N, C-alpha and C. Protein backbone atom coordinates (compact mmCIF):
# COMPACT_ATOMS: atom_id res chain seq x y z
N MET A 1 -143.15 -91.42 -188.16
CA MET A 1 -141.17 -91.55 -187.85
C MET A 1 -140.28 -91.27 -186.30
N GLU A 2 -139.61 -92.68 -186.24
CA GLU A 2 -139.11 -92.07 -184.71
C GLU A 2 -137.86 -91.35 -185.11
N GLN A 3 -137.80 -90.52 -183.77
CA GLN A 3 -135.83 -89.74 -184.13
C GLN A 3 -135.47 -90.04 -182.60
N THR A 4 -133.99 -90.06 -183.06
CA THR A 4 -133.31 -90.26 -182.05
C THR A 4 -132.32 -89.30 -182.14
N LEU A 5 -131.38 -89.07 -180.84
CA LEU A 5 -130.03 -88.68 -180.57
C LEU A 5 -129.46 -88.89 -181.03
N VAL A 6 -127.81 -88.37 -181.83
CA VAL A 6 -127.05 -89.45 -181.98
C VAL A 6 -125.30 -88.53 -181.81
N LEU A 7 -124.83 -88.41 -180.72
CA LEU A 7 -123.34 -87.53 -180.01
C LEU A 7 -122.35 -87.99 -181.31
N ILE A 8 -121.86 -87.88 -182.07
CA ILE A 8 -119.74 -88.73 -181.46
C ILE A 8 -119.16 -87.62 -180.89
N LYS A 9 -118.67 -88.90 -180.01
CA LYS A 9 -118.28 -88.30 -178.91
C LYS A 9 -116.90 -87.28 -179.38
N PRO A 10 -115.73 -85.92 -178.80
CA PRO A 10 -114.78 -86.18 -178.67
C PRO A 10 -113.28 -87.44 -179.08
N ASP A 11 -114.30 -88.59 -179.23
CA ASP A 11 -112.79 -88.55 -179.31
C ASP A 11 -113.26 -89.14 -180.66
N GLY A 12 -114.85 -89.17 -181.37
CA GLY A 12 -114.27 -89.16 -182.46
C GLY A 12 -114.17 -88.14 -183.10
N VAL A 13 -114.29 -86.86 -183.48
CA VAL A 13 -114.16 -85.64 -183.60
C VAL A 13 -112.49 -85.75 -183.85
N GLN A 14 -112.47 -86.18 -182.52
CA GLN A 14 -110.59 -86.27 -182.90
C GLN A 14 -109.83 -86.96 -183.38
N ARG A 15 -110.08 -88.14 -184.02
CA ARG A 15 -109.67 -89.10 -184.26
C ARG A 15 -110.24 -88.48 -186.27
N GLY A 16 -111.24 -87.45 -186.34
CA GLY A 16 -111.90 -87.05 -187.61
C GLY A 16 -112.20 -88.77 -188.38
N LEU A 17 -113.35 -89.43 -187.45
CA LEU A 17 -113.92 -90.09 -188.43
C LEU A 17 -115.31 -89.46 -188.17
N ILE A 18 -115.54 -88.55 -188.22
CA ILE A 18 -117.30 -87.63 -188.18
C ILE A 18 -117.89 -88.19 -189.42
N GLY A 19 -116.59 -88.55 -190.85
CA GLY A 19 -117.41 -88.61 -191.92
C GLY A 19 -117.89 -90.14 -192.13
N GLN A 20 -117.13 -91.36 -191.50
CA GLN A 20 -117.70 -92.72 -191.69
C GLN A 20 -118.41 -92.61 -190.88
N ILE A 21 -118.53 -92.13 -189.10
CA ILE A 21 -119.94 -92.54 -188.85
C ILE A 21 -121.45 -91.90 -188.97
N ILE A 22 -120.77 -90.34 -190.37
CA ILE A 22 -122.55 -89.91 -190.75
C ILE A 22 -122.93 -91.10 -192.12
N THR A 23 -121.69 -91.89 -192.93
CA THR A 23 -121.79 -92.38 -193.36
C THR A 23 -122.87 -93.61 -193.20
N ARG A 24 -122.34 -94.47 -191.96
CA ARG A 24 -122.83 -95.60 -191.38
C ARG A 24 -124.38 -95.43 -191.21
N PHE A 25 -125.29 -94.42 -191.12
CA PHE A 25 -126.25 -94.21 -190.97
C PHE A 25 -127.09 -94.01 -191.57
N GLU A 26 -126.84 -93.08 -193.08
CA GLU A 26 -126.95 -92.90 -194.47
C GLU A 26 -127.18 -94.41 -194.54
N ARG A 27 -125.28 -94.95 -195.07
CA ARG A 27 -125.91 -96.93 -195.56
C ARG A 27 -127.32 -96.96 -195.00
N ARG A 28 -127.54 -96.85 -193.60
CA ARG A 28 -128.51 -97.99 -192.51
C ARG A 28 -130.26 -97.64 -193.24
N GLY A 29 -129.86 -96.49 -194.40
CA GLY A 29 -130.81 -95.90 -194.79
C GLY A 29 -132.25 -94.50 -193.38
N LEU A 30 -131.67 -94.71 -192.37
CA LEU A 30 -131.66 -93.14 -191.34
C LEU A 30 -131.64 -92.18 -192.39
N LYS A 31 -132.18 -91.01 -191.84
CA LYS A 31 -132.76 -89.79 -192.85
C LYS A 31 -132.23 -88.79 -191.63
N LEU A 32 -130.82 -88.40 -191.77
CA LEU A 32 -129.96 -86.99 -191.03
C LEU A 32 -131.79 -85.85 -190.74
N CYS A 33 -131.60 -85.61 -189.81
CA CYS A 33 -132.97 -84.63 -189.92
C CYS A 33 -132.25 -82.94 -188.98
N GLY A 34 -131.08 -83.23 -188.41
CA GLY A 34 -130.41 -82.50 -187.16
C GLY A 34 -129.20 -82.20 -187.22
N MET A 35 -128.23 -81.76 -187.14
CA MET A 35 -126.60 -81.63 -187.10
C MET A 35 -126.32 -79.87 -186.09
N LYS A 36 -125.57 -80.08 -184.93
CA LYS A 36 -124.56 -79.29 -184.70
C LYS A 36 -123.46 -79.95 -184.40
N PHE A 37 -122.54 -78.77 -185.32
CA PHE A 37 -121.02 -78.99 -184.43
C PHE A 37 -120.83 -78.24 -183.55
N MET A 38 -120.39 -78.69 -182.38
CA MET A 38 -120.21 -77.67 -180.97
C MET A 38 -119.52 -77.84 -179.54
N GLN A 39 -119.55 -77.21 -178.97
CA GLN A 39 -118.77 -77.81 -177.53
C GLN A 39 -119.68 -77.94 -176.35
N MET A 40 -120.04 -79.57 -176.00
CA MET A 40 -120.67 -79.13 -174.66
C MET A 40 -120.30 -78.64 -173.57
N SER A 41 -121.58 -77.73 -173.51
CA SER A 41 -120.63 -77.13 -171.75
C SER A 41 -121.42 -78.00 -170.50
N ARG A 42 -121.01 -77.68 -169.88
CA ARG A 42 -120.99 -78.59 -168.37
C ARG A 42 -121.95 -78.85 -168.09
N ASP A 43 -123.02 -77.03 -168.16
CA ASP A 43 -124.50 -77.73 -167.47
C ASP A 43 -125.52 -78.46 -168.96
N LEU A 44 -125.40 -78.14 -169.43
CA LEU A 44 -125.49 -79.36 -171.05
C LEU A 44 -125.59 -80.88 -170.44
N ALA A 45 -123.87 -80.87 -170.24
CA ALA A 45 -123.59 -82.51 -170.10
C ALA A 45 -124.10 -82.69 -168.67
N SER A 46 -124.41 -81.87 -167.93
CA SER A 46 -125.01 -82.71 -166.67
C SER A 46 -126.12 -83.10 -166.57
N ALA A 47 -127.43 -82.12 -167.45
CA ALA A 47 -128.60 -82.31 -168.16
C ALA A 47 -128.85 -83.94 -168.95
N HIS A 48 -127.37 -83.98 -170.15
CA HIS A 48 -127.33 -85.13 -170.86
C HIS A 48 -127.29 -86.42 -169.83
N TYR A 49 -126.92 -86.00 -168.84
CA TYR A 49 -126.25 -87.54 -167.73
C TYR A 49 -126.27 -87.61 -166.50
N GLU A 50 -127.60 -86.78 -166.21
CA GLU A 50 -128.66 -86.99 -165.03
C GLU A 50 -128.91 -88.05 -164.66
N ALA A 51 -129.42 -89.02 -165.30
CA ALA A 51 -128.96 -90.79 -164.67
C ALA A 51 -127.88 -90.94 -163.82
N HIS A 52 -126.49 -90.72 -164.26
CA HIS A 52 -125.83 -91.30 -163.92
C HIS A 52 -124.79 -90.00 -162.85
N VAL A 53 -125.66 -89.24 -162.28
CA VAL A 53 -125.30 -88.00 -160.99
C VAL A 53 -124.94 -89.03 -159.79
N GLY A 54 -124.02 -88.84 -159.36
CA GLY A 54 -123.50 -89.56 -157.91
C GLY A 54 -123.21 -90.61 -158.46
N LYS A 55 -122.72 -91.69 -159.37
CA LYS A 55 -122.25 -92.46 -159.79
C LYS A 55 -120.43 -92.23 -159.79
N ASP A 56 -119.73 -93.17 -159.54
CA ASP A 56 -118.18 -93.07 -159.06
C ASP A 56 -117.56 -92.68 -160.79
N PHE A 57 -118.54 -93.00 -162.01
CA PHE A 57 -117.15 -92.72 -162.89
C PHE A 57 -117.81 -90.59 -163.95
N TYR A 58 -119.45 -90.66 -162.58
CA TYR A 58 -119.84 -89.48 -163.34
C TYR A 58 -118.53 -88.03 -163.96
N PRO A 59 -118.00 -88.06 -162.98
CA PRO A 59 -117.55 -86.60 -162.73
C PRO A 59 -117.10 -86.75 -164.12
N GLY A 60 -115.78 -87.56 -164.10
CA GLY A 60 -114.29 -88.51 -165.83
C GLY A 60 -115.94 -88.31 -166.69
N LEU A 61 -117.11 -89.05 -166.54
CA LEU A 61 -118.83 -88.91 -167.66
C LEU A 61 -118.09 -87.15 -168.38
N VAL A 62 -118.58 -86.32 -167.78
CA VAL A 62 -118.47 -84.61 -167.72
C VAL A 62 -117.61 -83.90 -168.13
N GLY A 63 -116.50 -84.55 -167.20
CA GLY A 63 -115.34 -83.90 -167.98
C GLY A 63 -115.05 -84.53 -169.66
N TYR A 64 -114.72 -85.85 -169.65
CA TYR A 64 -114.14 -85.68 -171.23
C TYR A 64 -115.58 -85.62 -172.02
N ILE A 65 -116.60 -85.14 -171.49
CA ILE A 65 -117.73 -84.93 -172.65
C ILE A 65 -117.79 -83.48 -173.62
N THR A 66 -117.24 -82.81 -171.66
CA THR A 66 -117.10 -81.51 -172.68
C THR A 66 -115.04 -81.46 -172.37
N SER A 67 -114.63 -82.49 -172.86
CA SER A 67 -113.02 -81.71 -173.30
C SER A 67 -112.31 -81.83 -174.99
N GLY A 68 -114.16 -81.85 -175.14
CA GLY A 68 -113.57 -81.55 -176.98
C GLY A 68 -114.94 -80.97 -177.42
N PRO A 69 -115.41 -80.49 -179.16
CA PRO A 69 -116.15 -80.63 -179.74
C PRO A 69 -116.61 -81.73 -180.35
N ILE A 70 -118.16 -81.76 -180.21
CA ILE A 70 -118.91 -82.11 -180.26
C ILE A 70 -119.82 -83.09 -181.23
N VAL A 71 -120.55 -83.24 -181.85
CA VAL A 71 -121.40 -83.81 -183.41
C VAL A 71 -122.78 -83.80 -182.77
N ALA A 72 -123.82 -83.63 -182.57
CA ALA A 72 -124.89 -83.51 -182.34
C ALA A 72 -125.50 -83.75 -183.14
N MET A 73 -126.40 -84.99 -183.44
CA MET A 73 -127.33 -84.99 -184.81
C MET A 73 -128.94 -86.06 -184.20
N VAL A 74 -129.57 -85.22 -185.32
CA VAL A 74 -130.69 -86.70 -185.02
C VAL A 74 -131.18 -86.80 -186.31
N TRP A 75 -131.23 -88.29 -185.96
CA TRP A 75 -131.56 -88.98 -187.33
C TRP A 75 -133.05 -89.67 -186.66
N GLU A 76 -133.76 -89.31 -188.47
CA GLU A 76 -135.30 -90.59 -188.21
C GLU A 76 -134.95 -91.88 -189.26
N GLY A 77 -136.36 -92.46 -188.68
CA GLY A 77 -136.57 -93.48 -190.03
C GLY A 77 -137.71 -94.47 -189.23
N LYS A 78 -138.08 -95.52 -189.64
CA LYS A 78 -138.76 -96.81 -188.40
C LYS A 78 -138.22 -97.14 -188.40
N ASP A 79 -137.87 -98.16 -187.37
CA ASP A 79 -136.26 -98.39 -185.36
C ASP A 79 -135.78 -97.44 -185.51
N ALA A 80 -135.84 -96.30 -186.23
CA ALA A 80 -134.02 -95.82 -185.91
C ALA A 80 -133.81 -95.67 -184.60
N ILE A 81 -134.65 -96.00 -183.70
CA ILE A 81 -133.84 -96.22 -182.14
C ILE A 81 -132.57 -97.54 -182.31
N GLN A 82 -133.70 -98.11 -182.47
CA GLN A 82 -132.77 -99.43 -182.99
C GLN A 82 -131.65 -99.60 -183.52
N ILE A 83 -132.02 -99.24 -184.81
CA ILE A 83 -131.45 -98.96 -185.53
C ILE A 83 -130.26 -98.59 -185.96
N VAL A 84 -130.02 -97.29 -185.23
CA VAL A 84 -128.94 -96.46 -184.72
C VAL A 84 -128.24 -97.92 -183.28
N ARG A 85 -128.56 -98.39 -182.37
CA ARG A 85 -128.19 -98.70 -181.54
C ARG A 85 -127.25 -100.38 -182.05
N THR A 86 -127.84 -100.98 -182.65
CA THR A 86 -127.04 -102.74 -183.53
C THR A 86 -126.39 -101.78 -184.52
N THR A 87 -126.02 -100.70 -184.81
CA THR A 87 -125.23 -99.36 -185.95
C THR A 87 -123.98 -99.31 -184.72
N MET A 88 -124.37 -98.49 -184.08
CA MET A 88 -123.57 -98.30 -183.46
C MET A 88 -121.69 -100.11 -182.43
N GLY A 89 -123.52 -100.34 -181.58
CA GLY A 89 -122.50 -101.73 -180.96
C GLY A 89 -122.21 -101.72 -179.65
N ALA A 90 -122.12 -102.21 -178.79
CA ALA A 90 -121.80 -102.46 -177.55
C ALA A 90 -121.14 -101.56 -176.89
N THR A 91 -121.74 -100.83 -175.76
CA THR A 91 -121.40 -100.22 -175.29
C THR A 91 -119.21 -100.07 -174.68
N ASN A 92 -119.71 -101.06 -174.00
CA ASN A 92 -118.21 -101.38 -173.90
C ASN A 92 -118.00 -102.36 -175.54
N ALA A 93 -116.66 -100.93 -176.25
CA ALA A 93 -116.34 -101.27 -177.18
C ALA A 93 -114.84 -102.61 -177.90
N GLY A 94 -114.65 -103.09 -176.17
CA GLY A 94 -113.61 -104.52 -176.18
C GLY A 94 -114.54 -105.27 -176.99
N ALA A 95 -116.34 -104.95 -176.89
CA ALA A 95 -116.88 -106.10 -176.88
C ALA A 95 -117.80 -106.43 -177.96
N ALA A 96 -117.78 -104.31 -178.57
CA ALA A 96 -118.20 -104.60 -179.69
C ALA A 96 -118.29 -105.85 -181.21
N ALA A 97 -119.63 -105.88 -181.46
CA ALA A 97 -119.27 -106.84 -183.02
C ALA A 97 -118.19 -106.62 -184.33
N PRO A 98 -117.70 -106.89 -184.82
CA PRO A 98 -117.13 -106.41 -185.58
C PRO A 98 -118.25 -105.74 -187.02
N GLY A 99 -117.97 -104.86 -187.61
CA GLY A 99 -118.79 -104.25 -188.48
C GLY A 99 -120.02 -103.44 -188.23
N THR A 100 -120.06 -102.47 -186.62
CA THR A 100 -119.99 -102.16 -185.98
C THR A 100 -119.37 -101.00 -185.92
N ILE A 101 -120.13 -99.16 -185.29
CA ILE A 101 -119.17 -98.77 -185.08
C ILE A 101 -117.97 -98.63 -184.16
N ARG A 102 -118.73 -99.36 -182.76
CA ARG A 102 -117.33 -99.45 -181.99
C ARG A 102 -116.70 -100.66 -182.43
N GLY A 103 -116.84 -101.87 -182.41
CA GLY A 103 -116.69 -103.30 -183.34
C GLY A 103 -115.18 -102.96 -183.81
N ASP A 104 -115.19 -102.35 -184.62
CA ASP A 104 -114.15 -101.77 -185.81
C ASP A 104 -113.44 -100.34 -185.29
N LEU A 105 -114.14 -100.12 -184.32
CA LEU A 105 -113.14 -98.24 -184.48
C LEU A 105 -113.01 -98.35 -183.09
N ALA A 106 -113.65 -98.84 -182.27
CA ALA A 106 -113.33 -98.47 -181.29
C ALA A 106 -112.56 -99.93 -180.44
N VAL A 107 -111.74 -99.13 -179.48
CA VAL A 107 -111.55 -99.81 -178.34
C VAL A 107 -110.86 -100.83 -176.64
N GLU A 108 -111.82 -99.38 -176.44
CA GLU A 108 -112.26 -99.29 -174.88
C GLU A 108 -113.93 -98.63 -174.83
N ILE A 109 -113.96 -99.06 -172.91
CA ILE A 109 -115.83 -98.30 -173.11
C ILE A 109 -115.27 -96.72 -172.88
N GLY A 110 -114.19 -95.99 -172.54
CA GLY A 110 -113.90 -95.34 -171.98
C GLY A 110 -113.99 -93.99 -172.97
N ARG A 111 -113.78 -94.99 -174.27
CA ARG A 111 -113.75 -93.52 -175.53
C ARG A 111 -114.15 -95.11 -176.79
N ASN A 112 -115.27 -94.64 -177.02
CA ASN A 112 -116.49 -95.33 -177.27
C ASN A 112 -117.34 -94.92 -179.11
N LEU A 113 -116.82 -92.99 -178.80
CA LEU A 113 -117.18 -92.45 -179.71
C LEU A 113 -118.45 -92.04 -180.16
N VAL A 114 -119.65 -92.62 -179.24
CA VAL A 114 -120.65 -91.98 -180.43
C VAL A 114 -121.38 -92.71 -178.69
N HIS A 115 -122.67 -91.44 -178.70
CA HIS A 115 -123.76 -91.70 -177.96
C HIS A 115 -124.62 -92.06 -178.87
N GLY A 116 -125.64 -93.42 -178.77
CA GLY A 116 -126.70 -93.33 -179.13
C GLY A 116 -128.03 -92.75 -178.45
N SER A 117 -129.36 -92.49 -177.93
CA SER A 117 -130.41 -93.07 -177.05
C SER A 117 -131.28 -93.79 -177.22
N ASP A 118 -131.18 -94.41 -175.76
CA ASP A 118 -131.79 -95.77 -175.66
C ASP A 118 -133.04 -96.12 -175.81
N GLY A 119 -133.74 -95.84 -175.58
CA GLY A 119 -135.11 -95.79 -176.11
C GLY A 119 -135.96 -94.65 -176.59
N PRO A 120 -137.28 -94.54 -176.32
CA PRO A 120 -138.52 -93.28 -176.94
C PRO A 120 -138.54 -91.97 -175.87
N GLU A 121 -138.90 -92.72 -174.60
CA GLU A 121 -138.09 -91.53 -173.83
C GLU A 121 -137.24 -90.56 -173.57
N SER A 122 -135.75 -91.70 -173.60
CA SER A 122 -134.73 -91.01 -174.07
C SER A 122 -134.79 -89.84 -174.69
N ALA A 123 -134.53 -90.89 -175.80
CA ALA A 123 -134.81 -89.81 -176.78
C ALA A 123 -135.49 -88.43 -176.81
N ALA A 124 -136.76 -88.68 -177.18
CA ALA A 124 -137.20 -87.49 -176.62
C ALA A 124 -136.97 -86.67 -175.58
N ARG A 125 -136.27 -86.96 -174.43
CA ARG A 125 -136.09 -85.82 -174.01
C ARG A 125 -134.36 -85.36 -173.86
N GLU A 126 -134.09 -85.98 -174.88
CA GLU A 126 -131.63 -86.00 -175.00
C GLU A 126 -132.74 -85.32 -176.62
N VAL A 127 -133.53 -85.83 -177.76
CA VAL A 127 -133.31 -84.78 -178.89
C VAL A 127 -133.90 -83.35 -178.26
N SER A 128 -133.88 -82.87 -177.36
CA SER A 128 -135.11 -81.84 -177.43
C SER A 128 -134.15 -80.77 -176.16
N LEU A 129 -132.85 -81.81 -175.38
CA LEU A 129 -131.99 -80.44 -174.95
C LEU A 129 -131.03 -80.09 -176.27
N PHE A 130 -130.31 -80.87 -177.02
CA PHE A 130 -130.09 -80.22 -178.19
C PHE A 130 -130.26 -79.22 -179.19
N PHE A 131 -130.93 -79.69 -179.83
CA PHE A 131 -132.08 -78.71 -180.78
C PHE A 131 -133.70 -78.86 -180.62
N SER A 132 -133.65 -76.99 -180.79
CA SER A 132 -134.96 -76.42 -180.62
C SER A 132 -136.12 -77.38 -182.55
N ALA A 133 -137.05 -76.82 -181.85
CA ALA A 133 -137.92 -77.97 -182.46
C ALA A 133 -138.03 -77.57 -184.21
N ASP A 134 -137.88 -75.48 -184.27
CA ASP A 134 -137.20 -75.42 -185.55
C ASP A 134 -135.83 -75.96 -186.11
N GLU A 135 -135.21 -76.42 -185.86
CA GLU A 135 -133.41 -76.16 -185.61
C GLU A 135 -133.74 -78.11 -186.42
N LEU A 136 -135.04 -78.76 -186.37
CA LEU A 136 -135.41 -79.85 -187.38
C LEU A 136 -135.69 -79.93 -188.13
N ILE A 137 -135.22 -80.28 -189.54
CA ILE A 137 -135.98 -80.37 -190.63
C ILE A 137 -137.21 -81.41 -191.14
N THR A 138 -137.84 -81.37 -191.90
CA THR A 138 -138.48 -82.55 -192.11
C THR A 138 -138.83 -82.47 -193.44
N TRP A 139 -138.42 -83.36 -194.14
CA TRP A 139 -137.90 -83.18 -195.41
C TRP A 139 -137.85 -84.58 -196.07
N SER A 140 -138.39 -84.58 -198.03
CA SER A 140 -138.84 -86.21 -198.65
C SER A 140 -137.19 -86.30 -198.85
N ARG A 141 -137.07 -87.70 -199.07
CA ARG A 141 -135.57 -87.94 -199.93
C ARG A 141 -136.52 -88.90 -200.95
N GLU A 142 -136.35 -89.47 -202.19
CA GLU A 142 -136.88 -89.88 -203.41
C GLU A 142 -136.33 -91.29 -203.12
N THR A 143 -134.97 -91.31 -202.33
CA THR A 143 -134.41 -92.67 -201.85
C THR A 143 -135.04 -93.38 -201.49
N ASP A 144 -136.12 -92.75 -200.37
CA ASP A 144 -137.07 -93.22 -199.33
C ASP A 144 -138.01 -94.41 -199.68
N ARG A 145 -138.41 -94.66 -200.90
CA ARG A 145 -139.42 -95.31 -201.77
C ARG A 145 -138.46 -97.07 -202.00
N TRP A 146 -137.11 -96.77 -202.26
CA TRP A 146 -135.82 -97.49 -201.85
C TRP A 146 -135.78 -98.49 -200.83
N ILE A 147 -135.49 -97.45 -200.40
CA ILE A 147 -135.61 -97.95 -198.34
C ILE A 147 -136.28 -99.27 -197.44
N ARG A 148 -137.53 -98.35 -197.82
CA ARG A 148 -139.00 -98.85 -197.02
C ARG A 148 -139.55 -98.99 -198.50
N GLU A 149 -140.50 -100.63 -197.81
CA GLU A 149 -141.68 -100.54 -199.04
C GLU A 149 -143.38 -99.58 -198.42
């Protein structure tokens, strides 16, 4: 099974959307393996966004993601990365399709509520930044046989 990182960013927390966002991933059949409510440090933000170092928007990105609490989660399932990205919608919330998290709940790229890993390599790297192996729970869910063949 594939695992991926999802962050509910400070705007999602401040707007009281944590429950709605989690529900969307649960309804897609993904399984929650780890979750933390936390304040991201500048060091963690710098490591998380290292691919954007030197870009014009980088200082604002780090400032924003550290401006308030976030929810860090690991979701698991077959094709979890693609399912999460489809459920989130386009990064530019103004262009995100209705029915997606961003399409229904956000309006601009700078306040787009959630982050999700964009591929297997980034998912592995990002999960390890936020969670140690002993913080992730492997468990069986009775409903899985009704979700997957």
